[in-house]
Amino acid sequence: FENVPAGLGALTTEAALPGIAALVVFSGFLELVLWKDDVNKDPGDFGDPLSWGESSINVERAFELNNGRMAMLAVLGQFAAELVTGK
């Protein structure tokens, strides 16, 4: 792996293709087979699979959604900084 560039350049190497393909296949499997949406629930509401208590999940759901949105923006900012600076 010493010849693999850092950052987004690593995605364009030949060594990255099997990993990217595995991620696409695995995430596709999860989306299409395991995480099916129920028409009677809100999108993304999969209930309480570990029985931790519905009340705590409903309260923390907004926090988790906001944290996930902020994380996505942070990653996009890192990608933009790398593309602009080349580092």
N, C-alpha and C. Protein backbone atom coordinates (compact mmCIF):
# COMPACT_ATOMS: atom_id res chain seq x y z
N PHE A 1 0.80 -1.20 0.00
CA PHE A 1 0.00 0.00 0.00
C PHE A 1 0.84 1.27 0.00
N GLU A 2 2.14 1.12 -0.05
CA GLU A 2 2.98 2.32 -0.05
C GLU A 2 2.86 3.12 -1.34
N ASN A 3 2.36 2.51 -2.42
CA ASN A 3 2.21 3.23 -3.68
C ASN A 3 0.83 3.86 -3.83
N VAL A 4 -0.05 3.64 -2.87
CA VAL A 4 -1.42 4.17 -2.95
C VAL A 4 -1.40 5.62 -2.45
N PRO A 5 -1.95 6.57 -3.24
CA PRO A 5 -1.97 7.97 -2.81
C PRO A 5 -2.94 8.16 -1.64
N ALA A 6 -2.75 9.24 -0.91
CA ALA A 6 -3.62 9.55 0.22
C ALA A 6 -4.87 10.27 -0.26
N GLY A 7 -5.90 10.24 0.55
CA GLY A 7 -7.12 10.99 0.27
C GLY A 7 -7.97 10.38 -0.83
N LEU A 8 -8.64 11.25 -1.58
CA LEU A 8 -9.55 10.79 -2.63
C LEU A 8 -8.82 10.10 -3.77
N GLY A 9 -7.53 10.37 -3.93
CA GLY A 9 -6.75 9.71 -4.97
C GLY A 9 -6.68 8.21 -4.78
N ALA A 10 -6.86 7.74 -3.56
CA ALA A 10 -6.82 6.31 -3.29
C ALA A 10 -8.00 5.58 -3.93
N LEU A 11 -9.09 6.28 -4.18
CA LEU A 11 -10.26 5.64 -4.78
C LEU A 11 -10.07 5.31 -6.25
N THR A 12 -9.09 5.93 -6.88
CA THR A 12 -8.88 5.72 -8.31
C THR A 12 -7.86 4.63 -8.60
N THR A 13 -7.32 3.99 -7.59
CA THR A 13 -6.32 2.96 -7.81
C THR A 13 -6.98 1.62 -8.06
N GLU A 14 -6.22 0.72 -8.63
CA GLU A 14 -6.73 -0.61 -8.93
C GLU A 14 -7.01 -1.41 -7.66
N ALA A 15 -6.26 -1.16 -6.61
CA ALA A 15 -6.45 -1.88 -5.35
C ALA A 15 -7.76 -1.50 -4.67
N ALA A 16 -8.31 -0.33 -4.98
CA ALA A 16 -9.54 0.12 -4.32
C ALA A 16 -10.80 -0.48 -4.92
N LEU A 17 -10.74 -0.95 -6.14
CA LEU A 17 -11.95 -1.43 -6.82
C LEU A 17 -12.65 -2.58 -6.09
N PRO A 18 -11.95 -3.62 -5.61
CA PRO A 18 -12.68 -4.68 -4.89
C PRO A 18 -13.34 -4.17 -3.61
N GLY A 19 -12.68 -3.27 -2.90
CA GLY A 19 -13.28 -2.72 -1.68
C GLY A 19 -14.51 -1.89 -1.97
N ILE A 20 -14.44 -1.06 -3.00
CA ILE A 20 -15.60 -0.24 -3.37
C ILE A 20 -16.76 -1.14 -3.83
N ALA A 21 -16.44 -2.17 -4.61
CA ALA A 21 -17.48 -3.10 -5.06
C ALA A 21 -18.11 -3.82 -3.88
N ALA A 22 -17.31 -4.23 -2.89
CA ALA A 22 -17.86 -4.91 -1.72
C ALA A 22 -18.76 -3.97 -0.92
N LEU A 23 -18.37 -2.70 -0.78
CA LEU A 23 -19.21 -1.74 -0.06
C LEU A 23 -20.54 -1.52 -0.77
N VAL A 24 -20.51 -1.42 -2.10
CA VAL A 24 -21.74 -1.21 -2.86
C VAL A 24 -22.66 -2.42 -2.74
N VAL A 25 -22.10 -3.63 -2.86
CA VAL A 25 -22.92 -4.84 -2.77
C VAL A 25 -23.50 -5.00 -1.37
N PHE A 26 -22.67 -4.78 -0.34
CA PHE A 26 -23.14 -4.95 1.04
C PHE A 26 -24.20 -3.91 1.39
N SER A 27 -23.97 -2.65 1.04
CA SER A 27 -24.97 -1.62 1.36
C SER A 27 -26.25 -1.84 0.55
N GLY A 28 -26.12 -2.30 -0.69
CA GLY A 28 -27.31 -2.63 -1.48
C GLY A 28 -28.12 -3.75 -0.86
N PHE A 29 -27.41 -4.77 -0.34
CA PHE A 29 -28.09 -5.88 0.34
C PHE A 29 -28.84 -5.37 1.57
N LEU A 30 -28.19 -4.54 2.36
CA LEU A 30 -28.84 -4.02 3.55
C LEU A 30 -30.08 -3.20 3.20
N GLU A 31 -29.96 -2.34 2.20
CA GLU A 31 -31.07 -1.48 1.82
C GLU A 31 -32.25 -2.27 1.22
N LEU A 32 -31.94 -3.26 0.38
CA LEU A 32 -33.00 -3.96 -0.35
C LEU A 32 -33.59 -5.14 0.40
N VAL A 33 -32.81 -5.77 1.30
CA VAL A 33 -33.29 -6.99 1.94
C VAL A 33 -33.61 -6.77 3.42
N LEU A 34 -32.69 -6.23 4.18
CA LEU A 34 -32.88 -6.15 5.63
C LEU A 34 -33.62 -4.91 6.09
N TRP A 35 -33.37 -3.77 5.50
CA TRP A 35 -33.94 -2.52 6.00
C TRP A 35 -35.11 -2.07 5.13
N LYS A 36 -36.14 -2.86 5.09
CA LYS A 36 -37.32 -2.50 4.30
C LYS A 36 -38.18 -1.52 5.10
N ASP A 37 -38.68 -0.50 4.41
CA ASP A 37 -39.54 0.48 5.06
C ASP A 37 -40.96 -0.07 5.19
N ASP A 38 -41.60 0.27 6.28
CA ASP A 38 -42.99 -0.08 6.53
C ASP A 38 -43.83 1.15 6.18
N VAL A 39 -44.88 0.96 5.40
CA VAL A 39 -45.69 2.10 4.97
C VAL A 39 -46.43 2.74 6.14
N ASN A 40 -46.56 2.04 7.26
CA ASN A 40 -47.25 2.59 8.42
C ASN A 40 -46.33 3.39 9.34
N LYS A 41 -45.03 3.43 9.04
CA LYS A 41 -44.06 4.14 9.87
C LYS A 41 -43.42 5.26 9.08
N ASP A 42 -42.77 6.17 9.80
CA ASP A 42 -42.01 7.24 9.16
C ASP A 42 -40.81 6.64 8.44
N PRO A 43 -40.32 7.28 7.37
CA PRO A 43 -39.12 6.79 6.70
C PRO A 43 -37.94 6.73 7.67
N GLY A 44 -37.25 5.61 7.67
CA GLY A 44 -36.10 5.43 8.55
C GLY A 44 -36.45 4.95 9.94
N ASP A 45 -37.73 4.78 10.24
CA ASP A 45 -38.16 4.30 11.56
C ASP A 45 -38.23 2.78 11.52
N PHE A 46 -37.25 2.13 12.12
CA PHE A 46 -37.20 0.67 12.14
C PHE A 46 -37.60 0.11 13.49
N GLY A 47 -38.19 0.94 14.33
CA GLY A 47 -38.66 0.49 15.62
C GLY A 47 -37.55 0.38 16.64
N ASP A 48 -37.68 -0.59 17.53
CA ASP A 48 -36.74 -0.81 18.62
C ASP A 48 -36.24 -2.25 18.55
N PRO A 49 -35.28 -2.54 17.66
CA PRO A 49 -34.88 -3.93 17.46
C PRO A 49 -34.18 -4.55 18.67
N LEU A 50 -33.59 -3.76 19.55
CA LEU A 50 -32.89 -4.31 20.72
C LEU A 50 -33.67 -4.14 22.01
N SER A 51 -34.93 -3.69 21.91
CA SER A 51 -35.82 -3.52 23.07
C SER A 51 -35.22 -2.62 24.14
N TRP A 52 -34.76 -1.45 23.76
CA TRP A 52 -34.18 -0.50 24.71
C TRP A 52 -35.22 0.45 25.26
N GLY A 53 -36.40 0.43 24.73
CA GLY A 53 -37.46 1.33 25.21
C GLY A 53 -37.79 2.38 24.17
N GLU A 54 -39.02 2.38 23.72
CA GLU A 54 -39.46 3.29 22.66
C GLU A 54 -39.31 4.75 23.04
N SER A 55 -39.54 5.10 24.31
CA SER A 55 -39.52 6.51 24.69
C SER A 55 -38.12 7.10 24.52
N SER A 56 -37.09 6.35 24.86
CA SER A 56 -35.73 6.90 24.72
C SER A 56 -35.35 7.02 23.26
N ILE A 57 -35.84 6.13 22.42
CA ILE A 57 -35.52 6.19 20.99
C ILE A 57 -36.20 7.40 20.35
N ASN A 58 -37.45 7.67 20.70
CA ASN A 58 -38.15 8.81 20.12
C ASN A 58 -37.51 10.13 20.52
N VAL A 59 -37.03 10.24 21.75
CA VAL A 59 -36.41 11.48 22.21
C VAL A 59 -35.07 11.68 21.52
N GLU A 60 -34.28 10.62 21.40
CA GLU A 60 -32.94 10.74 20.85
C GLU A 60 -32.91 10.74 19.32
N ARG A 61 -34.01 10.47 18.68
CA ARG A 61 -34.03 10.37 17.22
C ARG A 61 -33.66 11.70 16.56
N ALA A 62 -34.21 12.79 17.05
CA ALA A 62 -33.90 14.10 16.47
C ALA A 62 -32.43 14.43 16.66
N PHE A 63 -31.87 14.08 17.82
CA PHE A 63 -30.45 14.33 18.05
C PHE A 63 -29.59 13.54 17.08
N GLU A 64 -29.94 12.28 16.87
CA GLU A 64 -29.16 11.44 15.97
C GLU A 64 -29.28 11.91 14.52
N LEU A 65 -30.46 12.33 14.11
CA LEU A 65 -30.63 12.84 12.75
C LEU A 65 -29.78 14.09 12.54
N ASN A 66 -29.79 14.99 13.51
CA ASN A 66 -28.99 16.21 13.38
C ASN A 66 -27.50 15.90 13.40
N ASN A 67 -27.07 14.98 14.25
CA ASN A 67 -25.65 14.60 14.27
C ASN A 67 -25.24 13.96 12.95
N GLY A 68 -26.09 13.14 12.38
CA GLY A 68 -25.78 12.52 11.09
C GLY A 68 -25.69 13.55 9.98
N ARG A 69 -26.59 14.52 10.00
CA ARG A 69 -26.53 15.58 8.99
C ARG A 69 -25.25 16.40 9.12
N MET A 70 -24.85 16.71 10.34
CA MET A 70 -23.63 17.47 10.56
C MET A 70 -22.41 16.67 10.12
N ALA A 71 -22.42 15.37 10.38
CA ALA A 71 -21.30 14.52 9.96
C ALA A 71 -21.18 14.47 8.44
N MET A 72 -22.33 14.42 7.75
CA MET A 72 -22.29 14.42 6.28
C MET A 72 -21.73 15.73 5.75
N LEU A 73 -22.12 16.84 6.35
CA LEU A 73 -21.58 18.14 5.94
C LEU A 73 -20.08 18.23 6.22
N ALA A 74 -19.65 17.67 7.34
CA ALA A 74 -18.22 17.71 7.68
C ALA A 74 -17.40 16.91 6.67
N VAL A 75 -17.90 15.75 6.27
CA VAL A 75 -17.18 14.94 5.28
C VAL A 75 -17.15 15.65 3.94
N LEU A 76 -18.25 16.27 3.55
CA LEU A 76 -18.26 17.03 2.30
C LEU A 76 -17.27 18.19 2.35
N GLY A 77 -17.15 18.83 3.51
CA GLY A 77 -16.17 19.89 3.68
C GLY A 77 -14.75 19.38 3.54
N GLN A 78 -14.48 18.20 4.07
CA GLN A 78 -13.14 17.61 3.93
C GLN A 78 -12.85 17.28 2.48
N PHE A 79 -13.83 16.74 1.77
CA PHE A 79 -13.64 16.45 0.34
C PHE A 79 -13.38 17.73 -0.44
N ALA A 80 -14.17 18.77 -0.16
CA ALA A 80 -13.99 20.04 -0.87
C ALA A 80 -12.63 20.63 -0.58
N ALA A 81 -12.18 20.58 0.66
CA ALA A 81 -10.85 21.13 1.01
C ALA A 81 -9.75 20.37 0.29
N GLU A 82 -9.89 19.05 0.18
CA GLU A 82 -8.86 18.28 -0.52
C GLU A 82 -8.86 18.59 -2.01
N LEU A 83 -10.05 18.73 -2.59
CA LEU A 83 -10.11 19.04 -4.02
C LEU A 83 -9.56 20.44 -4.32
N VAL A 84 -9.79 21.40 -3.44
CA VAL A 84 -9.33 22.76 -3.67
C VAL A 84 -7.83 22.88 -3.45
N THR A 85 -7.33 22.29 -2.36
CA THR A 85 -5.92 22.45 -2.02
C THR A 85 -5.02 21.38 -2.63
N GLY A 86 -5.60 20.24 -2.98
CA GLY A 86 -4.80 19.14 -3.52
C GLY A 86 -4.03 18.39 -2.46
N LYS A 87 -4.32 18.63 -1.19
CA LYS A 87 -3.63 17.96 -0.09
C LYS A 87 -4.56 17.01 0.63
